[in-house]
Amino acid sequence: MVRPPLERLGVEITKTLITYNFYWSVIQIAIALYAARAMGGVSWVREQLSLDDVKEVKSLALIAGLALATTAILWSFQLASALLYGYEYYFDIWREAMREVPPLVQALHGRHRPVHCGHM
């Protein structure tokens, strides 16, 4: 499908954001692993991160609440986009963008699903 220039720009922006976010996540993980190793490796990490810190119900509830809130925010933006542009158009843009990103990014995001946690 040949898209008008502004629509094509939207697809290019979507591809760029998805690809950038993926590679930035990889860089963050690499830096974190390097920093943990430089500070003492696995023994240092075990000293810093203890399961005793999250045994309280309050801590577990906070972690679950933050994860749920983050997921809800992501889903609400995606749902708003789908409602604003129409589901078919939204899915077409997503599929087109995913066809053109690198294979590693496709593997993470899925080739045909516009939401990170499953299908709408």
PDB file of N, CA and C in Angstrom:
ATOM      1  N   MET A   1       0.843  -1.184   0.000  1.00  0.00           N
ATOM      2  CA  MET A   1       0.000   0.000   0.000  1.00  0.00           C
ATOM      3  C   MET A   1       0.886   1.244   0.000  1.00  0.00           C
ATOM      4  N   VAL A   2       0.622   2.126  -0.919  1.00  0.00           N
ATOM      5  CA  VAL A   2       1.362   3.382  -0.992  1.00  0.00           C
ATOM      6  C   VAL A   2       0.616   4.405  -0.147  1.00  0.00           C
ATOM      7  N   ARG A   3       1.328   4.961   0.817  1.00  0.00           N
ATOM      8  CA  ARG A   3       0.705   5.916   1.735  1.00  0.00           C
ATOM      9  C   ARG A   3       1.072   7.348   1.342  1.00  0.00           C
ATOM     10  N   PRO A   4       0.185   8.288   1.657  1.00  0.00           N
ATOM     11  CA  PRO A   4       0.527   9.700   1.460  1.00  0.00           C
ATOM     12  C   PRO A   4       1.746  10.057   2.325  1.00  0.00           C
ATOM     13  N   PRO A   5       2.451  11.127   1.976  1.00  0.00           N
ATOM     14  CA  PRO A   5       3.691  11.465   2.693  1.00  0.00           C
ATOM     15  C   PRO A   5       3.546  11.593   4.208  1.00  0.00           C
ATOM     16  N   LEU A   6       2.473  12.211   4.688  1.00  0.00           N
ATOM     17  CA  LEU A   6       2.330  12.365   6.135  1.00  0.00           C
ATOM     18  C   LEU A   6       2.099  11.025   6.827  1.00  0.00           C
ATOM     19  N   GLU A   7       1.346  10.139   6.209  1.00  0.00           N
ATOM     20  CA  GLU A   7       1.147   8.811   6.787  1.00  0.00           C
ATOM     21  C   GLU A   7       2.456   8.035   6.779  1.00  0.00           C
ATOM     22  N   ARG A   8       3.199   8.152   5.692  1.00  0.00           N
ATOM     23  CA  ARG A   8       4.492   7.460   5.605  1.00  0.00           C
ATOM     24  C   ARG A   8       5.432   7.972   6.685  1.00  0.00           C
ATOM     25  N   LEU A   9       5.384   9.274   6.954  1.00  0.00           N
ATOM     26  CA  LEU A   9       6.191   9.853   8.023  1.00  0.00           C
ATOM     27  C   LEU A   9       5.810   9.236   9.368  1.00  0.00           C
ATOM     28  N   GLY A  10       4.516   9.040   9.594  1.00  0.00           N
ATOM     29  CA  GLY A  10       4.064   8.400  10.829  1.00  0.00           C
ATOM     30  C   GLY A  10       4.597   6.986  10.977  1.00  0.00           C
ATOM     31  N   VAL A  11       4.616   6.234   9.879  1.00  0.00           N
ATOM     32  CA  VAL A  11       5.162   4.871   9.908  1.00  0.00           C
ATOM     33  C   VAL A  11       6.653   4.920  10.226  1.00  0.00           C
ATOM     34  N   GLU A  12       7.367   5.847   9.606  1.00  0.00           N
ATOM     35  CA  GLU A  12       8.812   5.970   9.853  1.00  0.00           C
ATOM     36  C   GLU A  12       9.091   6.341  11.308  1.00  0.00           C
ATOM     37  N   ILE A  13       8.286   7.237  11.869  1.00  0.00           N
ATOM     38  CA  ILE A  13       8.453   7.621  13.273  1.00  0.00           C
ATOM     39  C   ILE A  13       8.182   6.429  14.180  1.00  0.00           C
ATOM     40  N   THR A  14       7.137   5.670  13.889  1.00  0.00           N
ATOM     41  CA  THR A  14       6.818   4.477  14.675  1.00  0.00           C
ATOM     42  C   THR A  14       7.968   3.482  14.637  1.00  0.00           C
ATOM     43  N   LYS A  15       8.497   3.216  13.453  1.00  0.00           N
ATOM     44  CA  LYS A  15       9.629   2.291  13.309  1.00  0.00           C
ATOM     45  C   LYS A  15      10.836   2.775  14.105  1.00  0.00           C
ATOM     46  N   THR A  16      11.122   4.059  13.996  1.00  0.00           N
ATOM     47  CA  THR A  16      12.283   4.618  14.687  1.00  0.00           C
ATOM     48  C   THR A  16      12.131   4.503  16.196  1.00  0.00           C
ATOM     49  N   LEU A  17      10.954   4.832  16.714  1.00  0.00           N
ATOM     50  CA  LEU A  17      10.736   4.746  18.156  1.00  0.00           C
ATOM     51  C   LEU A  17      10.842   3.311  18.666  1.00  0.00           C
ATOM     52  N   ILE A  18      10.236   2.380  17.969  1.00  0.00           N
ATOM     53  CA  ILE A  18      10.277   0.979  18.388  1.00  0.00           C
ATOM     54  C   ILE A  18      11.713   0.466  18.370  1.00  0.00           C
ATOM     55  N   THR A  19      12.441   0.753  17.300  1.00  0.00           N
ATOM     56  CA  THR A  19      13.821   0.289  17.177  1.00  0.00           C
ATOM     57  C   THR A  19      14.714   0.953  18.220  1.00  0.00           C
ATOM     58  N   TYR A  20      14.583   2.263  18.393  1.00  0.00           N
ATOM     59  CA  TYR A  20      15.379   2.986  19.376  1.00  0.00           C
ATOM     60  C   TYR A  20      15.129   2.442  20.776  1.00  0.00           C
ATOM     61  N   ASN A  21      13.872   2.247  21.149  1.00  0.00           N
ATOM     62  CA  ASN A  21      13.554   1.741  22.484  1.00  0.00           C
ATOM     63  C   ASN A  21      14.152   0.364  22.716  1.00  0.00           C
ATOM     64  N   PHE A  22      14.112  -0.490  21.698  1.00  0.00           N
ATOM     65  CA  PHE A  22      14.684  -1.827  21.832  1.00  0.00           C
ATOM     66  C   PHE A  22      16.187  -1.748  22.090  1.00  0.00           C
ATOM     67  N   TYR A  23      16.898  -1.026  21.239  1.00  0.00           N
ATOM     68  CA  TYR A  23      18.352  -0.966  21.388  1.00  0.00           C
ATOM     69  C   TYR A  23      18.763  -0.211  22.646  1.00  0.00           C
ATOM     70  N   TRP A  24      18.002   0.791  23.056  1.00  0.00           N
ATOM     71  CA  TRP A  24      18.303   1.495  24.291  1.00  0.00           C
ATOM     72  C   TRP A  24      18.140   0.547  25.481  1.00  0.00           C
ATOM     73  N   SER A  25      17.153  -0.326  25.454  1.00  0.00           N
ATOM     74  CA  SER A  25      16.982  -1.311  26.523  1.00  0.00           C
ATOM     75  C   SER A  25      18.177  -2.255  26.585  1.00  0.00           C
ATOM     76  N   VAL A  26      18.667  -2.686  25.430  1.00  0.00           N
ATOM     77  CA  VAL A  26      19.844  -3.559  25.390  1.00  0.00           C
ATOM     78  C   VAL A  26      21.054  -2.839  25.979  1.00  0.00           C
ATOM     79  N   ILE A  27      21.237  -1.571  25.625  1.00  0.00           N
ATOM     80  CA  ILE A  27      22.357  -0.793  26.161  1.00  0.00           C
ATOM     81  C   ILE A  27      22.234  -0.651  27.674  1.00  0.00           C
ATOM     82  N   GLN A  28      21.030  -0.381  28.184  1.00  0.00           N
ATOM     83  CA  GLN A  28      20.836  -0.246  29.625  1.00  0.00           C
ATOM     84  C   GLN A  28      21.176  -1.537  30.357  1.00  0.00           C
ATOM     85  N   ILE A  29      20.769  -2.669  29.812  1.00  0.00           N
ATOM     86  CA  ILE A  29      21.083  -3.955  30.439  1.00  0.00           C
ATOM     87  C   ILE A  29      22.586  -4.179  30.451  1.00  0.00           C
ATOM     88  N   ALA A  30      23.255  -3.896  29.344  1.00  0.00           N
ATOM     89  CA  ALA A  30      24.709  -4.079  29.272  1.00  0.00           C
ATOM     90  C   ALA A  30      25.427  -3.188  30.284  1.00  0.00           C
ATOM     91  N   ILE A  31      25.001  -1.939  30.408  1.00  0.00           N
ATOM     92  CA  ILE A  31      25.621  -1.025  31.371  1.00  0.00           C
ATOM     93  C   ILE A  31      25.376  -1.511  32.795  1.00  0.00           C
ATOM     94  N   ALA A  32      24.163  -1.971  33.078  1.00  0.00           N
ATOM     95  CA  ALA A  32      23.851  -2.464  34.423  1.00  0.00           C
ATOM     96  C   ALA A  32      24.690  -3.686  34.771  1.00  0.00           C
ATOM     97  N   LEU A  33      24.832  -4.616  33.834  1.00  0.00           N
ATOM     98  CA  LEU A  33      25.658  -5.799  34.089  1.00  0.00           C
ATOM     99  C   LEU A  33      27.120  -5.421  34.286  1.00  0.00           C
ATOM    100  N   TYR A  34      27.619  -4.504  33.481  1.00  0.00           N
ATOM    101  CA  TYR A  34      28.997  -4.043  33.629  1.00  0.00           C
ATOM    102  C   TYR A  34      29.194  -3.365  34.984  1.00  0.00           C
ATOM    103  N   ALA A  35      28.263  -2.497  35.369  1.00  0.00           N
ATOM    104  CA  ALA A  35      28.377  -1.792  36.645  1.00  0.00           C
ATOM    105  C   ALA A  35      28.324  -2.767  37.818  1.00  0.00           C
ATOM    106  N   ALA A  36      27.426  -3.741  37.759  1.00  0.00           N
ATOM    107  CA  ALA A  36      27.341  -4.731  38.837  1.00  0.00           C
ATOM    108  C   ALA A  36      28.636  -5.529  38.932  1.00  0.00           C
ATOM    109  N   ARG A  37      29.189  -5.884  37.799  1.00  0.00           N
ATOM    110  CA  ARG A  37      30.451  -6.632  37.793  1.00  0.00           C
ATOM    111  C   ARG A  37      31.583  -5.776  38.353  1.00  0.00           C
ATOM    112  N   ALA A  38      31.621  -4.507  37.971  1.00  0.00           N
ATOM    113  CA  ALA A  38      32.675  -3.609  38.442  1.00  0.00           C
ATOM    114  C   ALA A  38      32.579  -3.356  39.945  1.00  0.00           C
ATOM    115  N   MET A  39      31.380  -3.456  40.502  1.00  0.00           N
ATOM    116  CA  MET A  39      31.191  -3.199  41.926  1.00  0.00           C
ATOM    117  C   MET A  39      31.324  -4.443  42.786  1.00  0.00           C
ATOM    118  N   GLY A  40      31.627  -5.569  42.198  1.00  0.00           N
ATOM    119  CA  GLY A  40      31.833  -6.757  43.023  1.00  0.00           C
ATOM    120  C   GLY A  40      31.144  -7.991  42.513  1.00  0.00           C
ATOM    121  N   GLY A  41      30.493  -7.894  41.416  1.00  0.00           N
ATOM    122  CA  GLY A  41      29.886  -9.073  40.804  1.00  0.00           C
ATOM    123  C   GLY A  41      28.656  -9.588  41.525  1.00  0.00           C
ATOM    124  N   VAL A  42      28.468 -10.901  41.427  1.00  0.00           N
ATOM    125  CA  VAL A  42      27.263 -11.546  41.953  1.00  0.00           C
ATOM    126  C   VAL A  42      27.157 -11.382  43.465  1.00  0.00           C
ATOM    127  N   SER A  43      28.278 -11.457  44.166  1.00  0.00           N
ATOM    128  CA  SER A  43      28.220 -11.314  45.630  1.00  0.00           C
ATOM    129  C   SER A  43      27.727  -9.924  46.022  1.00  0.00           C
ATOM    130  N   TRP A  44      28.159  -8.883  45.291  1.00  0.00           N
ATOM    131  CA  TRP A  44      27.691  -7.538  45.589  1.00  0.00           C
ATOM    132  C   TRP A  44      26.194  -7.414  45.320  1.00  0.00           C
ATOM    133  N   VAL A  45      25.742  -7.990  44.210  1.00  0.00           N
ATOM    134  CA  VAL A  45      24.316  -7.937  43.876  1.00  0.00           C
ATOM    135  C   VAL A  45      23.503  -8.642  44.953  1.00  0.00           C
ATOM    136  N   ARG A  46      23.978  -9.789  45.422  1.00  0.00           N
ATOM    137  CA  ARG A  46      23.252 -10.520  46.479  1.00  0.00           C
ATOM    138  C   ARG A  46      23.187  -9.722  47.772  1.00  0.00           C
ATOM    139  N   GLU A  47      24.240  -8.961  48.067  1.00  0.00           N
ATOM    140  CA  GLU A  47      24.218  -8.110  49.264  1.00  0.00           C
ATOM    141  C   GLU A  47      23.182  -6.994  49.120  1.00  0.00           C
ATOM    142  N   GLN A  48      23.080  -6.443  47.912  1.00  0.00           N
ATOM    143  CA  GLN A  48      22.179  -5.315  47.683  1.00  0.00           C
ATOM    144  C   GLN A  48      20.721  -5.733  47.550  1.00  0.00           C
ATOM    145  N   LEU A  49      20.487  -6.850  46.893  1.00  0.00           N
ATOM    146  CA  LEU A  49      19.127  -7.306  46.627  1.00  0.00           C
ATOM    147  C   LEU A  49      18.837  -8.543  47.460  1.00  0.00           C
ATOM    148  N   SER A  50      18.002  -8.371  48.433  1.00  0.00           N
ATOM    149  CA  SER A  50      17.652  -9.480  49.304  1.00  0.00           C
ATOM    150  C   SER A  50      16.154  -9.752  49.196  1.00  0.00           C
ATOM    151  N   LEU A  51      15.784 -11.018  49.234  1.00  0.00           N
ATOM    152  CA  LEU A  51      14.359 -11.354  49.215  1.00  0.00           C
ATOM    153  C   LEU A  51      13.661 -10.916  50.496  1.00  0.00           C
ATOM    154  N   ASP A  52      14.438 -10.675  51.545  1.00  0.00           N
ATOM    155  CA  ASP A  52      13.842 -10.182  52.790  1.00  0.00           C
ATOM    156  C   ASP A  52      13.218  -8.803  52.598  1.00  0.00           C
ATOM    157  N   ASP A  53      13.720  -8.050  51.627  1.00  0.00           N
ATOM    158  CA  ASP A  53      13.198  -6.701  51.377  1.00  0.00           C
ATOM    159  C   ASP A  53      11.794  -6.710  50.793  1.00  0.00           C
ATOM    160  N   VAL A  54      11.401  -7.778  50.151  1.00  0.00           N
ATOM    161  CA  VAL A  54      10.096  -7.812  49.496  1.00  0.00           C
ATOM    162  C   VAL A  54       9.150  -8.847  50.099  1.00  0.00           C
ATOM    163  N   LYS A  55       9.430  -9.305  51.279  1.00  0.00           N
ATOM    164  CA  LYS A  55       8.551 -10.301  51.892  1.00  0.00           C
ATOM    165  C   LYS A  55       7.297  -9.681  52.500  1.00  0.00           C
ATOM    166  N   GLU A  56       7.352  -8.421  52.799  1.00  0.00           N
ATOM    167  CA  GLU A  56       6.173  -7.782  53.369  1.00  0.00           C
ATOM    168  C   GLU A  56       5.084  -7.660  52.311  1.00  0.00           C
ATOM    169  N   VAL A  57       3.853  -7.791  52.752  1.00  0.00           N
ATOM    170  CA  VAL A  57       2.717  -7.671  51.835  1.00  0.00           C
ATOM    171  C   VAL A  57       2.685  -6.274  51.208  1.00  0.00           C
ATOM    172  N   LYS A  58       3.059  -5.271  51.989  1.00  0.00           N
ATOM    173  CA  LYS A  58       3.060  -3.897  51.484  1.00  0.00           C
ATOM    174  C   LYS A  58       4.031  -3.753  50.307  1.00  0.00           C
ATOM    175  N   SER A  59       5.206  -4.335  50.412  1.00  0.00           N
ATOM    176  CA  SER A  59       6.194  -4.257  49.333  1.00  0.00           C
ATOM    177  C   SER A  59       5.704  -4.974  48.086  1.00  0.00           C
ATOM    178  N   LEU A  60       5.165  -6.157  48.270  1.00  0.00           N
ATOM    179  CA  LEU A  60       4.654  -6.917  47.128  1.00  0.00           C
ATOM    180  C   LEU A  60       3.490  -6.194  46.464  1.00  0.00           C
ATOM    181  N   ALA A  61       2.620  -5.608  47.280  1.00  0.00           N
ATOM    182  CA  ALA A  61       1.478  -4.871  46.736  1.00  0.00           C
ATOM    183  C   ALA A  61       1.950  -3.642  45.952  1.00  0.00           C
ATOM    184  N   LEU A  62       2.975  -2.969  46.456  1.00  0.00           N
ATOM    185  CA  LEU A  62       3.511  -1.801  45.757  1.00  0.00           C
ATOM    186  C   LEU A  62       4.109  -2.201  44.407  1.00  0.00           C
ATOM    187  N   ILE A  63       4.882  -3.273  44.385  1.00  0.00           N
ATOM    188  CA  ILE A  63       5.479  -3.750  43.131  1.00  0.00           C
ATOM    189  C   ILE A  63       4.386  -4.132  42.136  1.00  0.00           C
ATOM    190  N   ALA A  64       3.403  -4.891  42.595  1.00  0.00           N
ATOM    191  CA  ALA A  64       2.304  -5.308  41.715  1.00  0.00           C
ATOM    192  C   ALA A  64       1.505  -4.095  41.232  1.00  0.00           C
ATOM    193  N   GLY A  65       1.270  -3.143  42.117  1.00  0.00           N
ATOM    194  CA  GLY A  65       0.528  -1.942  41.743  1.00  0.00           C
ATOM    195  C   GLY A  65       1.248  -1.107  40.696  1.00  0.00           C
ATOM    196  N   LEU A  66       2.555  -0.954  40.855  1.00  0.00           N
ATOM    197  CA  LEU A  66       3.332  -0.197  39.866  1.00  0.00           C
ATOM    198  C   LEU A  66       3.354  -0.904  38.515  1.00  0.00           C
ATOM    199  N   ALA A  67       3.505  -2.218  38.533  1.00  0.00           N
ATOM    200  CA  ALA A  67       3.485  -2.977  37.273  1.00  0.00           C
ATOM    201  C   ALA A  67       2.120  -2.851  36.602  1.00  0.00           C
ATOM    202  N   LEU A  68       1.062  -2.950  37.378  1.00  0.00           N
ATOM    203  CA  LEU A  68      -0.289  -2.830  36.838  1.00  0.00           C
ATOM    204  C   LEU A  68      -0.550  -1.422  36.292  1.00  0.00           C
ATOM    205  N   ALA A  69      -0.104  -0.405  37.025  1.00  0.00           N
ATOM    206  CA  ALA A  69      -0.303   0.975  36.572  1.00  0.00           C
ATOM    207  C   ALA A  69       0.449   1.241  35.269  1.00  0.00           C
ATOM    208  N   THR A  70       1.681   0.752  35.177  1.00  0.00           N
ATOM    209  CA  THR A  70       2.468   0.931  33.955  1.00  0.00           C
ATOM    210  C   THR A  70       1.798   0.256  32.770  1.00  0.00           C
ATOM    211  N   THR A  71       1.349  -0.975  32.974  1.00  0.00           N
ATOM    212  CA  THR A  71       0.669  -1.709  31.907  1.00  0.00           C
ATOM    213  C   THR A  71      -0.616  -0.992  31.498  1.00  0.00           C
ATOM    214  N   ALA A  72      -1.362  -0.498  32.471  1.00  0.00           N
ATOM    215  CA  ALA A  72      -2.616   0.205  32.175  1.00  0.00           C
ATOM    216  C   ALA A  72      -2.357   1.477  31.366  1.00  0.00           C
ATOM    217  N   ILE A  73      -1.294   2.195  31.695  1.00  0.00           N
ATOM    218  CA  ILE A  73      -0.966   3.413  30.944  1.00  0.00           C
ATOM    219  C   ILE A  73      -0.624   3.075  29.497  1.00  0.00           C
ATOM    220  N   LEU A  74       0.223   2.053  29.295  1.00  0.00           N
ATOM    221  CA  LEU A  74       0.589   1.650  27.930  1.00  0.00           C
ATOM    222  C   LEU A  74      -0.638   1.216  27.138  1.00  0.00           C
ATOM    223  N   TRP A  75      -1.471   0.390  27.742  1.00  0.00           N
ATOM    224  CA  TRP A  75      -2.672  -0.096  27.047  1.00  0.00           C
ATOM    225  C   TRP A  75      -3.629   1.050  26.747  1.00  0.00           C
ATOM    226  N   SER A  76      -3.749   2.008  27.671  1.00  0.00           N
ATOM    227  CA  SER A  76      -4.694   3.104  27.435  1.00  0.00           C
ATOM    228  C   SER A  76      -4.244   3.973  26.258  1.00  0.00           C
ATOM    229  N   PHE A  77      -2.943   4.227  26.137  1.00  0.00           N
ATOM    230  CA  PHE A  77      -2.455   4.988  24.983  1.00  0.00           C
ATOM    231  C   PHE A  77      -2.693   4.227  23.686  1.00  0.00           C
ATOM    232  N   GLN A  78      -2.456   2.932  23.702  1.00  0.00           N
ATOM    233  CA  GLN A  78      -2.666   2.146  22.493  1.00  0.00           C
ATOM    234  C   GLN A  78      -4.144   2.058  22.141  1.00  0.00           C
ATOM    235  N   LEU A  79      -4.986   1.901  23.140  1.00  0.00           N
ATOM    236  CA  LEU A  79      -6.425   1.864  22.894  1.00  0.00           C
ATOM    237  C   LEU A  79      -6.916   3.215  22.371  1.00  0.00           C
ATOM    238  N   ALA A  80      -6.406   4.299  22.958  1.00  0.00           N
ATOM    239  CA  ALA A  80      -6.794   5.632  22.488  1.00  0.00           C
ATOM    240  C   ALA A  80      -6.388   5.836  21.027  1.00  0.00           C
ATOM    241  N   SER A  81      -5.198   5.376  20.666  1.00  0.00           N
ATOM    242  CA  SER A  81      -4.760   5.490  19.265  1.00  0.00           C
ATOM    243  C   SER A  81      -5.656   4.681  18.345  1.00  0.00           C
ATOM    244  N   ALA A  82      -5.985   3.465  18.770  1.00  0.00           N
ATOM    245  CA  ALA A  82      -6.849   2.613  17.939  1.00  0.00           C
ATOM    246  C   ALA A  82      -8.238   3.226  17.790  1.00  0.00           C
ATOM    247  N   LEU A  83      -8.771   3.798  18.859  1.00  0.00           N
ATOM    248  CA  LEU A  83     -10.093   4.429  18.785  1.00  0.00           C
ATOM    249  C   LEU A  83     -10.052   5.703  17.943  1.00  0.00           C
ATOM    250  N   LEU A  84      -8.969   6.443  18.059  1.00  0.00           N
ATOM    251  CA  LEU A  84      -8.840   7.702  17.332  1.00  0.00           C
ATOM    252  C   LEU A  84      -8.722   7.481  15.824  1.00  0.00           C
ATOM    253  N   TYR A  85      -7.927   6.503  15.438  1.00  0.00           N
ATOM    254  CA  TYR A  85      -7.671   6.277  14.011  1.00  0.00           C
ATOM    255  C   TYR A  85      -8.507   5.158  13.406  1.00  0.00           C
ATOM    256  N   GLY A  86      -9.142   4.359  14.230  1.00  0.00           N
ATOM    257  CA  GLY A  86      -9.877   3.192  13.748  1.00  0.00           C
ATOM    258  C   GLY A  86      -8.988   1.960  13.827  1.00  0.00           C
ATOM    259  N   TYR A  87      -9.591   0.852  14.212  1.00  0.00           N
ATOM    260  CA  TYR A  87      -8.811  -0.366  14.443  1.00  0.00           C
ATOM    261  C   TYR A  87      -8.079  -0.842  13.194  1.00  0.00           C
ATOM    262  N   GLU A  88      -8.751  -0.883  12.060  1.00  0.00           N
ATOM    263  CA  GLU A  88      -8.116  -1.391  10.837  1.00  0.00           C
ATOM    264  C   GLU A  88      -6.902  -0.542  10.455  1.00  0.00           C
ATOM    265  N   TYR A  89      -7.064   0.762  10.481  1.00  0.00           N
ATOM    266  CA  TYR A  89      -5.963   1.659  10.134  1.00  0.00           C
ATOM    267  C   TYR A  89      -4.810   1.486  11.119  1.00  0.00           C
ATOM    268  N   TYR A  90      -5.140   1.423  12.402  1.00  0.00           N
ATOM    269  CA  TYR A  90      -4.129   1.272  13.451  1.00  0.00           C
ATOM    270  C   TYR A  90      -3.347  -0.023  13.263  1.00  0.00           C
ATOM    271  N   PHE A  91      -4.055  -1.137  13.019  1.00  0.00           N
ATOM    272  CA  PHE A  91      -3.381  -2.419  12.819  1.00  0.00           C
ATOM    273  C   PHE A  91      -2.560  -2.420  11.533  1.00  0.00           C
ATOM    274  N   ASP A  92      -3.040  -1.763  10.487  1.00  0.00           N
ATOM    275  CA  ASP A  92      -2.276  -1.671   9.238  1.00  0.00           C
ATOM    276  C   ASP A  92      -0.954  -0.935   9.448  1.00  0.00           C
ATOM    277  N   ILE A  93      -1.015   0.182  10.162  1.00  0.00           N
ATOM    278  CA  ILE A  93       0.208   0.941  10.456  1.00  0.00           C
ATOM    279  C   ILE A  93       1.170   0.075  11.259  1.00  0.00           C
ATOM    280  N   TRP A  94       0.646  -0.621  12.273  1.00  0.00           N
ATOM    281  CA  TRP A  94       1.492  -1.469  13.119  1.00  0.00           C
ATOM    282  C   TRP A  94       2.160  -2.569  12.286  1.00  0.00           C
ATOM    283  N   ARG A  95       1.384  -3.246  11.475  1.00  0.00           N
ATOM    284  CA  ARG A  95       1.942  -4.330  10.651  1.00  0.00           C
ATOM    285  C   ARG A  95       3.006  -3.806   9.686  1.00  0.00           C
ATOM    286  N   GLU A  96       2.728  -2.662   9.077  1.00  0.00           N
ATOM    287  CA  GLU A  96       3.698  -2.090   8.140  1.00  0.00           C
ATOM    288  C   GLU A  96       4.989  -1.702   8.856  1.00  0.00           C
ATOM    289  N   ALA A  97       4.862  -1.088  10.008  1.00  0.00           N
ATOM    290  CA  ALA A  97       6.055  -0.700  10.766  1.00  0.00           C
ATOM    291  C   ALA A  97       6.846  -1.930  11.203  1.00  0.00           C
ATOM    292  N   MET A  98       6.158  -2.969  11.662  1.00  0.00           N
ATOM    293  CA  MET A  98       6.848  -4.165  12.147  1.00  0.00           C
ATOM    294  C   MET A  98       7.512  -4.948  11.021  1.00  0.00           C
ATOM    295  N   ARG A  99       6.981  -4.872   9.815  1.00  0.00           N
ATOM    296  CA  ARG A  99       7.615  -5.553   8.678  1.00  0.00           C
ATOM    297  C   ARG A  99       8.972  -4.941   8.357  1.00  0.00           C
ATOM    298  N   GLU A 100       9.156  -3.679   8.715  1.00  0.00           N
ATOM    299  CA  GLU A 100      10.351  -2.955   8.287  1.00  0.00           C
ATOM    300  C   GLU A 100      11.384  -2.737   9.387  1.00  0.00           C
ATOM    301  N   VAL A 101      11.148  -3.243  10.599  1.00  0.00           N
ATOM    302  CA  VAL A 101      12.141  -3.102  11.663  1.00  0.00           C
ATOM    303  C   VAL A 101      13.060  -4.317  11.659  1.00  0.00           C
ATOM    304  N   PRO A 102      14.222  -4.229  12.313  1.00  0.00           N
ATOM    305  CA  PRO A 102      15.149  -5.363  12.347  1.00  0.00           C
ATOM    306  C   PRO A 102      14.516  -6.609  12.978  1.00  0.00           C
ATOM    307  N   PRO A 103      14.993  -7.806  12.601  1.00  0.00           N
ATOM    308  CA  PRO A 103      14.410  -9.062  13.100  1.00  0.00           C
ATOM    309  C   PRO A 103      14.403  -9.196  14.624  1.00  0.00           C
ATOM    310  N   LEU A 104      15.440  -8.710  15.305  1.00  0.00           N
ATOM    311  CA  LEU A 104      15.452  -8.800  16.770  1.00  0.00           C
ATOM    312  C   LEU A 104      14.307  -8.006  17.385  1.00  0.00           C
ATOM    313  N   VAL A 105      14.037  -6.861  16.824  1.00  0.00           N
ATOM    314  CA  VAL A 105      12.935  -6.029  17.317  1.00  0.00           C
ATOM    315  C   VAL A 105      11.604  -6.716  17.032  1.00  0.00           C
ATOM    316  N   GLN A 106      11.475  -7.329  15.867  1.00  0.00           N
ATOM    317  CA  GLN A 106      10.256  -8.071  15.536  1.00  0.00           C
ATOM    318  C   GLN A 106      10.032  -9.201  16.530  1.00  0.00           C
ATOM    319  N   ALA A 107      11.096  -9.883  16.902  1.00  0.00           N
ATOM    320  CA  ALA A 107      10.965 -10.999  17.839  1.00  0.00           C
ATOM    321  C   ALA A 107      10.457 -10.521  19.190  1.00  0.00           C
ATOM    322  N   LEU A 108      10.903  -9.361  19.625  1.00  0.00           N
ATOM    323  CA  LEU A 108      10.466  -8.838  20.916  1.00  0.00           C
ATOM    324  C   LEU A 108       9.021  -8.366  20.874  1.00  0.00           C
ATOM    325  N   HIS A 109       8.668  -7.601  19.869  1.00  0.00           N
ATOM    326  CA  HIS A 109       7.346  -6.984  19.810  1.00  0.00           C
ATOM    327  C   HIS A 109       6.297  -7.844  19.128  1.00  0.00           C
ATOM    328  N   GLY A 110       6.699  -8.841  18.423  1.00  0.00           N
ATOM    329  CA  GLY A 110       5.743  -9.630  17.659  1.00  0.00           C
ATOM    330  C   GLY A 110       5.460  -8.942  16.342  1.00  0.00           C
ATOM    331  N   ARG A 111       5.255  -9.710  15.315  1.00  0.00           N
ATOM    332  CA  ARG A 111       5.087  -9.113  13.989  1.00  0.00           C
ATOM    333  C   ARG A 111       3.699  -8.542  13.770  1.00  0.00           C
ATOM    334  N   HIS A 112       2.703  -9.070  14.442  1.00  0.00           N
ATOM    335  CA  HIS A 112       1.331  -8.680  14.103  1.00  0.00           C
ATOM    336  C   HIS A 112       0.527  -8.193  15.292  1.00  0.00           C
ATOM    337  N   ARG A 113       1.141  -7.962  16.422  1.00  0.00           N
ATOM    338  CA  ARG A 113       0.337  -7.539  17.567  1.00  0.00           C
ATOM    339  C   ARG A 113       0.705  -6.125  17.999  1.00  0.00           C
ATOM    340  N   PRO A 114      -0.244  -5.251  18.086  1.00  0.00           N
ATOM    341  CA  PRO A 114       0.042  -3.867  18.409  1.00  0.00           C
ATOM    342  C   PRO A 114       0.162  -3.582  19.895  1.00  0.00           C
ATOM    343  N   VAL A 115      -0.066  -4.558  20.740  1.00  0.00           N
ATOM    344  CA  VAL A 115       0.085  -4.340  22.171  1.00  0.00           C
ATOM    345  C   VAL A 115       1.151  -5.283  22.682  1.00  0.00           C
ATOM    346  N   HIS A 116       1.843  -4.890  23.722  1.00  0.00           N
ATOM    347  CA  HIS A 116       2.975  -5.661  24.211  1.00  0.00           C
ATOM    348  C   HIS A 116       2.555  -6.905  24.978  1.00  0.00           C
ATOM    349  N   CYS A 117       1.387  -6.899  25.571  1.00  0.00           N
ATOM    350  CA  CYS A 117       1.002  -7.985  26.469  1.00  0.00           C
ATOM    351  C   CYS A 117      -0.039  -8.918  25.871  1.00  0.00           C
ATOM    352  N   GLY A 118      -0.286  -8.853  24.627  1.00  0.00           N
ATOM    353  CA  GLY A 118      -1.268  -9.739  24.009  1.00  0.00           C
ATOM    354  C   GLY A 118      -2.085  -9.011  22.963  1.00  0.00           C
ATOM    355  N   HIS A 119      -3.101  -9.661  22.512  1.00  0.00           N
ATOM    356  CA  HIS A 119      -3.952  -9.087  21.472  1.00  0.00           C
ATOM    357  C   HIS A 119      -5.064  -8.260  22.084  1.00  0.00           C
ATOM    358  N   MET A 120      -5.546  -7.291  21.316  1.00  0.00           N
ATOM    359  CA  MET A 120      -6.695  -6.500  21.755  1.00  0.00           C
ATOM    360  C   MET A 120      -7.948  -7.279  21.530  1.00  0.00           C
TER     361      MET A 120
END
